[in-house]
Amino acid sequence: MDVAKETHEAEKRIRPFIRATPLEYSPHLSRSGKCQVHLKLENFQHSGSFKARGALSKYLSLDDSDKEKGIITASSGNHASAVAYVLHKFAERGTIYIPHSTPQAKVDLLRLYGVALEFKGQYSVETEVYAQEIARKQEQVYISPYNDLKVIGGQGTIGIELLHEIDTIDSILVPIGGGGLIAGIGGYVKSVHKGIEIIGCETESSPAMSASIKAGQIIHVGYHPTLADGTAGGFEQGSITFKLCQDTVDDYILVSEDEMARAIRFILDKHSILLEGSAAMPVAAFLKQRDRFKNKNVVLILTSSKIDLETLKKILWRK
């Protein structure tokens, strides 16, 4: 699997349709860690997250005959929004399957795109399995949130932007759910600079990738309610991201619910930027282990911003 090659091909496909998102210097985090910290603001991407890159990459690679049959996907929110954005933009048909646990803010946004929504299952993995079976039966294209090289290549275009935006990078901290984002970014940047450290950020309540890497095989870690709903629920058996993460990710940092809540408050207070739980994981991870980054150039990938008002209220009042 040549992620770097696929990333270059995805770059050519999707560049006219995506934003080159800002890379913002954080004086507050830099002072805290005695290093240089930049925030890659993928929460400003079309559809509100980095997922638009992968969805566009896959969609633009399809034949017209495949598009005409209609597209199916499954997601807990951000990938669903990205596919809905693509379907709306190109006036295509499709059905999006989402878990019953999807936050209402994400459901409300999906409805605005006018796409067909179906609720199935409580967690993302079971929703994905069901949607894939429907796609097979109906001979429709299934756009995976992560288990597809073209989707991974689309996410890898963030790495292309980073290497143009900053001269030196020592470490990149990336949230992990299914692993498509970190596989894309890590696979590309390490093809150019092997010494760049790629660190995966997960919640203590749902460390599916790091636990699987430790076990040497994909395992089920269970699900517990978490602020990081966008990365919770594990990933499917046989996913290509498992091997890519084995080859690409140098380390993992697990964060607690309290650490994520503090990170959301910190970025809102110091940068006036709103993050959802999964997007705050790299900030929480950095603050948790800031001493290891002293004198380094660090990039935190802030992936998305869809957090519902009630959850935000609880975080702001949380001690």
C-alpha atoms as a PDB file:
ATOM      1  CA  MET A   1       0.000   0.000   0.000  1.00  0.00           C
ATOM      2  CA  ASP A   2       1.759   3.122  -1.238  1.00  0.00           C
ATOM      3  CA  VAL A   3       0.130   5.885   0.801  1.00  0.00           C
ATOM      4  CA  ALA A   4       2.464   8.570  -0.529  1.00  0.00           C
ATOM      5  CA  LYS A   5       1.608   7.742  -4.147  1.00  0.00           C
ATOM      6  CA  GLU A   6      -2.115   7.652  -3.376  1.00  0.00           C
ATOM      7  CA  THR A   7      -1.821  10.979  -1.545  1.00  0.00           C
ATOM      8  CA  HIS A   8      -0.257  12.641  -4.587  1.00  0.00           C
ATOM      9  CA  GLU A   9      -3.049  11.270  -6.779  1.00  0.00           C
ATOM     10  CA  ALA A  10      -5.683  12.426  -4.306  1.00  0.00           C
ATOM     11  CA  GLU A  11      -4.090  15.866  -4.222  1.00  0.00           C
ATOM     12  CA  LYS A  12      -4.619  16.245  -7.965  1.00  0.00           C
ATOM     13  CA  ARG A  13      -8.242  15.089  -7.707  1.00  0.00           C
ATOM     14  CA  ILE A  14      -9.431  17.125  -4.768  1.00  0.00           C
ATOM     15  CA  ARG A  15      -7.369  20.328  -4.681  1.00  0.00           C
ATOM     16  CA  PRO A  16      -9.938  22.403  -6.640  1.00  0.00           C
ATOM     17  CA  PHE A  17     -12.628  21.394  -4.154  1.00  0.00           C
ATOM     18  CA  ILE A  18     -10.961  21.715  -0.721  1.00  0.00           C
ATOM     19  CA  ARG A  19      -9.576  24.455   1.453  1.00  0.00           C
ATOM     20  CA  ALA A  20      -5.920  24.695   2.389  1.00  0.00           C
ATOM     21  CA  THR A  21      -6.683  25.033   6.083  1.00  0.00           C
ATOM     22  CA  PRO A  22      -4.811  27.507   8.331  1.00  0.00           C
ATOM     23  CA  LEU A  23      -1.796  26.570  10.400  1.00  0.00           C
ATOM     24  CA  GLU A  24      -1.955  28.764  13.497  1.00  0.00           C
ATOM     25  CA  TYR A  25       0.900  29.333  15.916  1.00  0.00           C
ATOM     26  CA  SER A  26      -0.084  28.856  19.568  1.00  0.00           C
ATOM     27  CA  PRO A  27       1.948  31.117  21.869  1.00  0.00           C
ATOM     28  CA  HIS A  28       0.075  29.702  24.881  1.00  0.00           C
ATOM     29  CA  LEU A  29       0.871  26.044  24.214  1.00  0.00           C
ATOM     30  CA  SER A  30       4.379  26.943  23.059  1.00  0.00           C
ATOM     31  CA  ARG A  31       5.121  28.674  26.355  1.00  0.00           C
ATOM     32  CA  SER A  32       3.543  25.818  28.316  1.00  0.00           C
ATOM     33  CA  GLY A  33       5.747  23.207  26.634  1.00  0.00           C
ATOM     34  CA  LYS A  34       8.854  25.362  26.080  1.00  0.00           C
ATOM     35  CA  CYS A  35       8.626  24.522  22.386  1.00  0.00           C
ATOM     36  CA  GLN A  36       6.982  25.698  19.160  1.00  0.00           C
ATOM     37  CA  VAL A  37       3.390  24.526  18.711  1.00  0.00           C
ATOM     38  CA  HIS A  38       1.235  24.993  15.616  1.00  0.00           C
ATOM     39  CA  LEU A  39      -2.434  24.081  15.244  1.00  0.00           C
ATOM     40  CA  LYS A  40      -3.635  22.652  11.920  1.00  0.00           C
ATOM     41  CA  LEU A  41      -7.228  23.891  11.783  1.00  0.00           C
ATOM     42  CA  GLU A  42      -9.095  21.182   9.908  1.00  0.00           C
ATOM     43  CA  ASN A  43     -12.248  22.286  11.729  1.00  0.00           C
ATOM     44  CA  PHE A  44     -12.348  25.017   9.051  1.00  0.00           C
ATOM     45  CA  GLN A  45     -12.473  22.496   6.200  1.00  0.00           C
ATOM     46  CA  HIS A  46     -15.637  22.112   4.092  1.00  0.00           C
ATOM     47  CA  SER A  47     -18.338  20.217   6.024  1.00  0.00           C
ATOM     48  CA  GLY A  48     -16.583  21.143   9.280  1.00  0.00           C
ATOM     49  CA  SER A  49     -13.859  18.506   9.390  1.00  0.00           C
ATOM     50  CA  PHE A  50     -10.943  16.854   7.595  1.00  0.00           C
ATOM     51  CA  LYS A  51     -13.317  14.117   6.417  1.00  0.00           C
ATOM     52  CA  ALA A  52     -14.223  16.120   3.303  1.00  0.00           C
ATOM     53  CA  ARG A  53     -10.773  15.318   1.902  1.00  0.00           C
ATOM     54  CA  GLY A  54     -11.238  11.548   2.007  1.00  0.00           C
ATOM     55  CA  ALA A  55     -14.864  11.634   0.861  1.00  0.00           C
ATOM     56  CA  LEU A  56     -13.979  13.805  -2.139  1.00  0.00           C
ATOM     57  CA  SER A  57     -10.984  11.650  -3.003  1.00  0.00           C
ATOM     58  CA  LYS A  58     -13.111   8.514  -3.136  1.00  0.00           C
ATOM     59  CA  TYR A  59     -16.076  10.118  -4.896  1.00  0.00           C
ATOM     60  CA  LEU A  60     -13.962  11.759  -7.606  1.00  0.00           C
ATOM     61  CA  SER A  61     -12.301   8.414  -8.359  1.00  0.00           C
ATOM     62  CA  LEU A  62     -15.630   6.719  -9.172  1.00  0.00           C
ATOM     63  CA  ASP A  63     -17.012   5.986 -12.631  1.00  0.00           C
ATOM     64  CA  ASP A  64     -20.248   7.693 -13.625  1.00  0.00           C
ATOM     65  CA  SER A  65     -21.993   4.307 -13.640  1.00  0.00           C
ATOM     66  CA  ASP A  66     -21.065   3.781  -9.988  1.00  0.00           C
ATOM     67  CA  LYS A  67     -22.313   7.240  -9.027  1.00  0.00           C
ATOM     68  CA  GLU A  68     -25.633   6.667 -10.778  1.00  0.00           C
ATOM     69  CA  LYS A  69     -26.381   3.622  -8.615  1.00  0.00           C
ATOM     70  CA  GLY A  70     -26.239   5.753  -5.492  1.00  0.00           C
ATOM     71  CA  ILE A  71     -23.670   5.883  -2.716  1.00  0.00           C
ATOM     72  CA  ILE A  72     -23.848   4.392   0.768  1.00  0.00           C
ATOM     73  CA  THR A  73     -21.805   5.219   3.835  1.00  0.00           C
ATOM     74  CA  ALA A  74     -21.868   4.831   7.615  1.00  0.00           C
ATOM     75  CA  SER A  75     -20.459   7.135  10.249  1.00  0.00           C
ATOM     76  CA  SER A  76     -20.946   8.539  13.729  1.00  0.00           C
ATOM     77  CA  GLY A  77     -21.020  12.044  12.317  1.00  0.00           C
ATOM     78  CA  ASN A  78     -18.142  13.812  10.592  1.00  0.00           C
ATOM     79  CA  HIS A  79     -17.628  11.349   7.740  1.00  0.00           C
ATOM     80  CA  ALA A  80     -21.391  11.315   7.271  1.00  0.00           C
ATOM     81  CA  SER A  81     -21.386  15.116   7.014  1.00  0.00           C
ATOM     82  CA  ALA A  82     -18.538  14.994   4.517  1.00  0.00           C
ATOM     83  CA  VAL A  83     -20.312  12.481   2.277  1.00  0.00           C
ATOM     84  CA  ALA A  84     -23.557  14.472   2.592  1.00  0.00           C
ATOM     85  CA  TYR A  85     -21.649  17.594   1.552  1.00  0.00           C
ATOM     86  CA  VAL A  86     -20.222  15.788  -1.484  1.00  0.00           C
ATOM     87  CA  LEU A  87     -23.603  14.337  -2.511  1.00  0.00           C
ATOM     88  CA  HIS A  88     -25.239  17.749  -2.204  1.00  0.00           C
ATOM     89  CA  LYS A  89     -22.450  19.537  -4.072  1.00  0.00           C
ATOM     90  CA  PHE A  90     -22.532  17.150  -7.022  1.00  0.00           C
ATOM     91  CA  ALA A  91     -26.291  16.485  -6.907  1.00  0.00           C
ATOM     92  CA  GLU A  92     -25.870  12.743  -6.389  1.00  0.00           C
ATOM     93  CA  ARG A  93     -28.077  10.182  -4.655  1.00  0.00           C
ATOM     94  CA  GLY A  94     -27.045   8.317  -1.548  1.00  0.00           C
ATOM     95  CA  THR A  95     -27.984   6.937   1.854  1.00  0.00           C
ATOM     96  CA  ILE A  96     -26.123   7.577   5.082  1.00  0.00           C
ATOM     97  CA  TYR A  97     -26.387   5.156   8.006  1.00  0.00           C
ATOM     98  CA  ILE A  98     -25.629   6.580  11.427  1.00  0.00           C
ATOM     99  CA  PRO A  99     -25.618   5.099  14.957  1.00  0.00           C
ATOM    100  CA  HIS A 100     -28.392   6.013  17.381  1.00  0.00           C
ATOM    101  CA  SER A 101     -25.655   7.486  19.604  1.00  0.00           C
ATOM    102  CA  THR A 102     -24.808  10.235  17.085  1.00  0.00           C
ATOM    103  CA  PRO A 103     -25.004  13.670  18.791  1.00  0.00           C
ATOM    104  CA  GLN A 104     -28.037  15.724  17.818  1.00  0.00           C
ATOM    105  CA  ALA A 105     -25.904  18.610  16.519  1.00  0.00           C
ATOM    106  CA  LYS A 106     -24.429  16.301  13.884  1.00  0.00           C
ATOM    107  CA  VAL A 107     -27.826  14.819  12.981  1.00  0.00           C
ATOM    108  CA  ASP A 108     -29.308  18.305  12.525  1.00  0.00           C
ATOM    109  CA  LEU A 109     -26.511  19.277  10.149  1.00  0.00           C
ATOM    110  CA  LEU A 110     -26.959  16.108   8.096  1.00  0.00           C
ATOM    111  CA  ARG A 111     -30.644  16.846   7.620  1.00  0.00           C
ATOM    112  CA  LEU A 112     -29.803  20.245   6.145  1.00  0.00           C
ATOM    113  CA  TYR A 113     -28.047  18.571   3.202  1.00  0.00           C
ATOM    114  CA  GLY A 114     -31.268  16.797   2.235  1.00  0.00           C
ATOM    115  CA  VAL A 115     -29.745  13.302   2.051  1.00  0.00           C
ATOM    116  CA  ALA A 116     -31.449  10.073   3.070  1.00  0.00           C
ATOM    117  CA  LEU A 117     -30.618   9.154   6.687  1.00  0.00           C
ATOM    118  CA  GLU A 118     -31.059   5.766   8.336  1.00  0.00           C
ATOM    119  CA  PHE A 119     -30.332   4.976  11.992  1.00  0.00           C
ATOM    120  CA  LYS A 120     -28.813   1.583  12.731  1.00  0.00           C
ATOM    121  CA  GLY A 121     -26.995   0.246  15.763  1.00  0.00           C
ATOM    122  CA  GLN A 122     -25.631   1.997  18.800  1.00  0.00           C
ATOM    123  CA  TYR A 123     -21.941   2.181  17.872  1.00  0.00           C
ATOM    124  CA  SER A 124     -20.064   2.972  14.675  1.00  0.00           C
ATOM    125  CA  VAL A 125     -18.645  -0.492  13.936  1.00  0.00           C
ATOM    126  CA  GLU A 126     -22.021  -2.255  13.873  1.00  0.00           C
ATOM    127  CA  THR A 127     -23.449   0.559  11.746  1.00  0.00           C
ATOM    128  CA  GLU A 128     -20.574   0.180   9.278  1.00  0.00           C
ATOM    129  CA  VAL A 129     -21.032  -3.587   9.003  1.00  0.00           C
ATOM    130  CA  TYR A 130     -24.754  -3.203   8.325  1.00  0.00           C
ATOM    131  CA  ALA A 131     -24.254  -0.461   5.714  1.00  0.00           C
ATOM    132  CA  GLN A 132     -21.615  -2.505   3.901  1.00  0.00           C
ATOM    133  CA  GLU A 133     -23.988  -5.453   3.685  1.00  0.00           C
ATOM    134  CA  ILE A 134     -26.730  -3.238   2.229  1.00  0.00           C
ATOM    135  CA  ALA A 135     -24.253  -1.836  -0.308  1.00  0.00           C
ATOM    136  CA  ARG A 136     -23.242  -5.361  -1.371  1.00  0.00           C
ATOM    137  CA  LYS A 137     -26.829  -6.509  -1.761  1.00  0.00           C
ATOM    138  CA  GLN A 138     -27.799  -3.444  -3.779  1.00  0.00           C
ATOM    139  CA  GLU A 139     -24.516  -3.333  -5.743  1.00  0.00           C
ATOM    140  CA  GLN A 140     -23.820   0.217  -4.629  1.00  0.00           C
ATOM    141  CA  VAL A 141     -20.525   1.895  -3.756  1.00  0.00           C
ATOM    142  CA  TYR A 142     -19.751   2.036  -0.047  1.00  0.00           C
ATOM    143  CA  ILE A 143     -17.500   4.914   1.011  1.00  0.00           C
ATOM    144  CA  SER A 144     -15.647   3.820   4.133  1.00  0.00           C
ATOM    145  CA  PRO A 145     -14.718   6.395   6.776  1.00  0.00           C
ATOM    146  CA  TYR A 146     -11.184   4.946   6.905  1.00  0.00           C
ATOM    147  CA  ASN A 147     -10.791   1.463   5.369  1.00  0.00           C
ATOM    148  CA  ASP A 148     -10.071   2.601   1.814  1.00  0.00           C
ATOM    149  CA  LEU A 149      -6.751   3.684   0.326  1.00  0.00           C
ATOM    150  CA  LYS A 150      -8.333   6.500  -1.663  1.00  0.00           C
ATOM    151  CA  VAL A 151      -9.947   7.875   1.483  1.00  0.00           C
ATOM    152  CA  ILE A 152      -6.621   7.573   3.311  1.00  0.00           C
ATOM    153  CA  GLY A 153      -4.862   9.350   0.444  1.00  0.00           C
ATOM    154  CA  GLY A 154      -7.359  12.184   0.700  1.00  0.00           C
ATOM    155  CA  GLN A 155      -6.591  12.617   4.400  1.00  0.00           C
ATOM    156  CA  GLY A 156      -2.895  12.470   3.540  1.00  0.00           C
ATOM    157  CA  THR A 157      -3.178  15.758   1.644  1.00  0.00           C
ATOM    158  CA  ILE A 158      -3.039  17.429   5.061  1.00  0.00           C
ATOM    159  CA  GLY A 159       0.570  16.222   5.170  1.00  0.00           C
ATOM    160  CA  ILE A 160       1.286  17.877   1.827  1.00  0.00           C
ATOM    161  CA  GLU A 161      -0.015  21.175   3.175  1.00  0.00           C
ATOM    162  CA  LEU A 162       1.949  20.873   6.421  1.00  0.00           C
ATOM    163  CA  LEU A 163       5.273  20.388   4.655  1.00  0.00           C
ATOM    164  CA  HIS A 164       4.591  23.508   2.594  1.00  0.00           C
ATOM    165  CA  GLU A 165       3.451  25.553   5.591  1.00  0.00           C
ATOM    166  CA  ILE A 166       6.280  24.919   8.066  1.00  0.00           C
ATOM    167  CA  ASP A 167       9.976  24.279   7.506  1.00  0.00           C
ATOM    168  CA  THR A 168      10.679  21.951  10.418  1.00  0.00           C
ATOM    169  CA  ILE A 169       8.409  19.464  12.143  1.00  0.00           C
ATOM    170  CA  ASP A 170       9.568  17.138  14.894  1.00  0.00           C
ATOM    171  CA  SER A 171       6.235  15.685  16.075  1.00  0.00           C
ATOM    172  CA  ILE A 172       2.665  15.527  14.780  1.00  0.00           C
ATOM    173  CA  LEU A 173      -0.151  14.631  17.180  1.00  0.00           C
ATOM    174  CA  VAL A 174      -3.216  13.139  15.494  1.00  0.00           C
ATOM    175  CA  PRO A 175      -6.559  11.847  16.841  1.00  0.00           C
ATOM    176  CA  ILE A 176      -7.287   8.193  16.063  1.00  0.00           C
ATOM    177  CA  GLY A 177     -10.628   6.534  15.455  1.00  0.00           C
ATOM    178  CA  GLY A 178     -10.503   4.138  12.531  1.00  0.00           C
ATOM    179  CA  GLY A 179      -6.967   5.259  11.724  1.00  0.00           C
ATOM    180  CA  GLY A 180      -7.478   6.747   8.257  1.00  0.00           C
ATOM    181  CA  LEU A 181      -6.300  10.233   9.197  1.00  0.00           C
ATOM    182  CA  ILE A 182      -3.088   9.215  10.952  1.00  0.00           C
ATOM    183  CA  ALA A 183      -2.327   6.600   8.271  1.00  0.00           C
ATOM    184  CA  GLY A 184      -2.666   9.251   5.572  1.00  0.00           C
ATOM    185  CA  ILE A 185      -0.690  11.998   7.285  1.00  0.00           C
ATOM    186  CA  GLY A 186       1.954   9.655   8.671  1.00  0.00           C
ATOM    187  CA  GLY A 187       2.301   7.659   5.471  1.00  0.00           C
ATOM    188  CA  TYR A 188       2.909  10.786   3.442  1.00  0.00           C
ATOM    189  CA  VAL A 189       5.159  12.841   5.734  1.00  0.00           C
ATOM    190  CA  LYS A 190       7.373   9.863   6.586  1.00  0.00           C
ATOM    191  CA  SER A 191       7.901   9.265   2.866  1.00  0.00           C
ATOM    192  CA  VAL A 192       9.497  12.724   2.773  1.00  0.00           C
ATOM    193  CA  HIS A 193      11.014  12.987   6.271  1.00  0.00           C
ATOM    194  CA  LYS A 194      11.326   9.640   8.053  1.00  0.00           C
ATOM    195  CA  GLY A 195      12.383  11.287  11.312  1.00  0.00           C
ATOM    196  CA  ILE A 196       9.079  13.064  11.937  1.00  0.00           C
ATOM    197  CA  GLU A 197       7.439  11.508  14.997  1.00  0.00           C
ATOM    198  CA  ILE A 198       3.796  10.500  14.488  1.00  0.00           C
ATOM    199  CA  ILE A 199       1.811  10.254  17.723  1.00  0.00           C
ATOM    200  CA  GLY A 200      -1.700   8.851  17.913  1.00  0.00           C
ATOM    201  CA  CYS A 201      -4.116  10.330  20.446  1.00  0.00           C
ATOM    202  CA  GLU A 202      -6.930   8.224  21.899  1.00  0.00           C
ATOM    203  CA  THR A 203      -9.303   8.266  24.841  1.00  0.00           C
ATOM    204  CA  GLU A 204      -8.722   6.060  27.841  1.00  0.00           C
ATOM    205  CA  SER A 205     -12.296   4.822  27.382  1.00  0.00           C
ATOM    206  CA  SER A 206     -11.879   3.667  23.772  1.00  0.00           C
ATOM    207  CA  PRO A 207      -8.210   2.990  22.868  1.00  0.00           C
ATOM    208  CA  ALA A 208      -9.078   0.644  20.003  1.00  0.00           C
ATOM    209  CA  MET A 209      -6.020   1.164  17.821  1.00  0.00           C
ATOM    210  CA  SER A 210      -3.312   1.216  20.480  1.00  0.00           C
ATOM    211  CA  ALA A 211      -4.831  -1.805  22.233  1.00  0.00           C
ATOM    212  CA  SER A 212      -4.964  -3.671  18.930  1.00  0.00           C
ATOM    213  CA  ILE A 213      -1.367  -2.751  18.089  1.00  0.00           C
ATOM    214  CA  LYS A 214      -0.282  -3.987  21.510  1.00  0.00           C
ATOM    215  CA  ALA A 215      -2.220  -7.245  21.016  1.00  0.00           C
ATOM    216  CA  GLY A 216      -0.845  -7.733  17.504  1.00  0.00           C
ATOM    217  CA  GLN A 217      -4.337  -8.053  16.053  1.00  0.00           C
ATOM    218  CA  ILE A 218      -7.563  -6.079  15.830  1.00  0.00           C
ATOM    219  CA  ILE A 219      -9.456  -6.508  19.082  1.00  0.00           C
ATOM    220  CA  HIS A 220     -12.712  -5.187  20.501  1.00  0.00           C
ATOM    221  CA  VAL A 221     -12.176  -2.867  23.468  1.00  0.00           C
ATOM    222  CA  GLY A 222     -15.803  -2.086  24.260  1.00  0.00           C
ATOM    223  CA  TYR A 223     -17.463   1.286  24.292  1.00  0.00           C
ATOM    224  CA  HIS A 224     -18.049   3.793  27.043  1.00  0.00           C
ATOM    225  CA  PRO A 225     -19.710   7.228  26.720  1.00  0.00           C
ATOM    226  CA  THR A 226     -17.079   9.799  25.808  1.00  0.00           C
ATOM    227  CA  LEU A 227     -16.686  13.379  24.690  1.00  0.00           C
ATOM    228  CA  ALA A 228     -14.726  11.977  21.738  1.00  0.00           C
ATOM    229  CA  ASP A 229     -17.765  10.460  20.029  1.00  0.00           C
ATOM    230  CA  GLY A 230     -16.144  11.064  16.640  1.00  0.00           C
ATOM    231  CA  THR A 231     -13.420   8.487  17.325  1.00  0.00           C
ATOM    232  CA  ALA A 232     -15.256   6.052  19.608  1.00  0.00           C
ATOM    233  CA  GLY A 233     -16.569   2.599  18.819  1.00  0.00           C
ATOM    234  CA  GLY A 234     -13.539   0.864  17.349  1.00  0.00           C
ATOM    235  CA  PHE A 235     -12.848  -0.125  13.761  1.00  0.00           C
ATOM    236  CA  GLU A 236     -13.749  -3.042  11.534  1.00  0.00           C
ATOM    237  CA  GLN A 237     -11.927  -6.355  11.296  1.00  0.00           C
ATOM    238  CA  GLY A 238      -9.525  -6.503   8.362  1.00  0.00           C
ATOM    239  CA  SER A 239      -9.093  -2.734   8.137  1.00  0.00           C
ATOM    240  CA  ILE A 240      -5.990  -1.743   6.188  1.00  0.00           C
ATOM    241  CA  THR A 241      -5.377   1.017   8.723  1.00  0.00           C
ATOM    242  CA  PHE A 242      -4.194  -1.516  11.311  1.00  0.00           C
ATOM    243  CA  LYS A 243      -1.090  -2.477   9.307  1.00  0.00           C
ATOM    244  CA  LEU A 244      -0.519   1.136   8.237  1.00  0.00           C
ATOM    245  CA  CYS A 245      -0.561   2.254  11.873  1.00  0.00           C
ATOM    246  CA  GLN A 246       1.805  -0.576  12.803  1.00  0.00           C
ATOM    247  CA  ASP A 247       4.237   0.781  10.215  1.00  0.00           C
ATOM    248  CA  THR A 248       3.677   4.505  10.726  1.00  0.00           C
ATOM    249  CA  VAL A 249       2.680   5.464  14.270  1.00  0.00           C
ATOM    250  CA  ASP A 250       5.593   5.907  16.664  1.00  0.00           C
ATOM    251  CA  ASP A 251       3.690   6.271  19.923  1.00  0.00           C
ATOM    252  CA  TYR A 252       0.256   6.661  21.479  1.00  0.00           C
ATOM    253  CA  ILE A 253      -0.998   8.990  24.206  1.00  0.00           C
ATOM    254  CA  LEU A 254      -4.266   8.217  25.963  1.00  0.00           C
ATOM    255  CA  VAL A 255      -6.295  11.030  27.527  1.00  0.00           C
ATOM    256  CA  SER A 256      -9.124  11.132  30.048  1.00  0.00           C
ATOM    257  CA  GLU A 257     -12.520  12.805  29.786  1.00  0.00           C
ATOM    258  CA  ASP A 258     -11.408  15.545  32.174  1.00  0.00           C
ATOM    259  CA  GLU A 259      -8.265  16.186  30.129  1.00  0.00           C
ATOM    260  CA  MET A 260     -10.322  16.541  26.953  1.00  0.00           C
ATOM    261  CA  ALA A 261     -12.765  18.891  28.650  1.00  0.00           C
ATOM    262  CA  ARG A 262      -9.896  21.077  29.866  1.00  0.00           C
ATOM    263  CA  ALA A 263      -8.407  21.095  26.363  1.00  0.00           C
ATOM    264  CA  ILE A 264     -11.703  22.232  24.837  1.00  0.00           C
ATOM    265  CA  ARG A 265     -11.905  25.073  27.376  1.00  0.00           C
ATOM    266  CA  PHE A 266      -8.254  25.976  26.847  1.00  0.00           C
ATOM    267  CA  ILE A 267      -8.532  26.350  23.057  1.00  0.00           C
ATOM    268  CA  LEU A 268     -11.821  28.222  23.311  1.00  0.00           C
ATOM    269  CA  ASP A 269     -10.360  30.584  25.898  1.00  0.00           C
ATOM    270  CA  LYS A 270      -6.921  31.164  24.354  1.00  0.00           C
ATOM    271  CA  HIS A 271      -7.700  30.889  20.624  1.00  0.00           C
ATOM    272  CA  SER A 272     -11.475  31.518  20.413  1.00  0.00           C
ATOM    273  CA  ILE A 273     -11.766  28.230  18.490  1.00  0.00           C
ATOM    274  CA  LEU A 274     -14.480  25.687  19.195  1.00  0.00           C
ATOM    275  CA  LEU A 275     -13.528  21.991  19.191  1.00  0.00           C
ATOM    276  CA  GLU A 276     -15.422  18.769  19.692  1.00  0.00           C
ATOM    277  CA  GLY A 277     -14.030  16.095  21.971  1.00  0.00           C
ATOM    278  CA  SER A 278     -12.075  14.075  19.410  1.00  0.00           C
ATOM    279  CA  ALA A 279     -10.487  17.235  17.999  1.00  0.00           C
ATOM    280  CA  ALA A 280      -9.308  18.216  21.464  1.00  0.00           C
ATOM    281  CA  MET A 281      -7.413  14.958  22.038  1.00  0.00           C
ATOM    282  CA  PRO A 282      -4.090  16.204  20.571  1.00  0.00           C
ATOM    283  CA  VAL A 283      -4.260  19.318  22.765  1.00  0.00           C
ATOM    284  CA  ALA A 284      -5.029  17.191  25.815  1.00  0.00           C
ATOM    285  CA  ALA A 285      -2.231  14.768  24.912  1.00  0.00           C
ATOM    286  CA  PHE A 286       0.266  17.595  24.442  1.00  0.00           C
ATOM    287  CA  LEU A 287      -0.613  19.181  27.784  1.00  0.00           C
ATOM    288  CA  LYS A 288      -0.429  15.787  29.493  1.00  0.00           C
ATOM    289  CA  GLN A 289       3.103  15.049  28.247  1.00  0.00           C
ATOM    290  CA  ARG A 290       4.373  18.528  27.447  1.00  0.00           C
ATOM    291  CA  ASP A 291       7.829  17.921  28.920  1.00  0.00           C
ATOM    292  CA  ARG A 292       8.719  15.403  26.176  1.00  0.00           C
ATOM    293  CA  PHE A 293       8.293  18.120  23.527  1.00  0.00           C
ATOM    294  CA  LYS A 294      10.709  20.677  24.978  1.00  0.00           C
ATOM    295  CA  ASN A 295      12.609  22.578  22.231  1.00  0.00           C
ATOM    296  CA  LYS A 296      10.692  20.718  19.488  1.00  0.00           C
ATOM    297  CA  ASN A 297       8.469  21.882  16.644  1.00  0.00           C
ATOM    298  CA  VAL A 298       5.073  20.309  17.218  1.00  0.00           C
ATOM    299  CA  VAL A 299       1.900  20.212  15.112  1.00  0.00           C
ATOM    300  CA  LEU A 300      -1.488  19.368  16.602  1.00  0.00           C
ATOM    301  CA  ILE A 301      -4.184  18.268  14.140  1.00  0.00           C
ATOM    302  CA  LEU A 302      -7.492  19.825  15.238  1.00  0.00           C
ATOM    303  CA  THR A 303      -9.971  17.850  13.227  1.00  0.00           C
ATOM    304  CA  SER A 304     -13.499  19.137  13.800  1.00  0.00           C
ATOM    305  CA  SER A 305     -15.818  21.420  15.727  1.00  0.00           C
ATOM    306  CA  LYS A 306     -19.273  19.819  15.894  1.00  0.00           C
ATOM    307  CA  ILE A 307     -20.190  19.853  19.560  1.00  0.00           C
ATOM    308  CA  ASP A 308     -23.748  20.300  20.757  1.00  0.00           C
ATOM    309  CA  LEU A 309     -24.643  23.205  23.000  1.00  0.00           C
ATOM    310  CA  GLU A 310     -25.658  21.148  26.031  1.00  0.00           C
ATOM    311  CA  THR A 311     -22.369  19.244  26.026  1.00  0.00           C
ATOM    312  CA  LEU A 312     -20.451  22.496  25.690  1.00  0.00           C
ATOM    313  CA  LYS A 313     -22.358  24.012  28.616  1.00  0.00           C
ATOM    314  CA  LYS A 314     -21.414  21.047  30.808  1.00  0.00           C
ATOM    315  CA  ILE A 315     -17.762  21.346  29.801  1.00  0.00           C
ATOM    316  CA  LEU A 316     -17.640  25.068  30.519  1.00  0.00           C
ATOM    317  CA  TRP A 317     -19.098  24.525  33.988  1.00  0.00           C
ATOM    318  CA  ARG A 318     -16.992  21.447  34.678  1.00  0.00           C
ATOM    319  CA  LYS A 319     -14.388  21.841  37.426  1.00  0.00           C
END
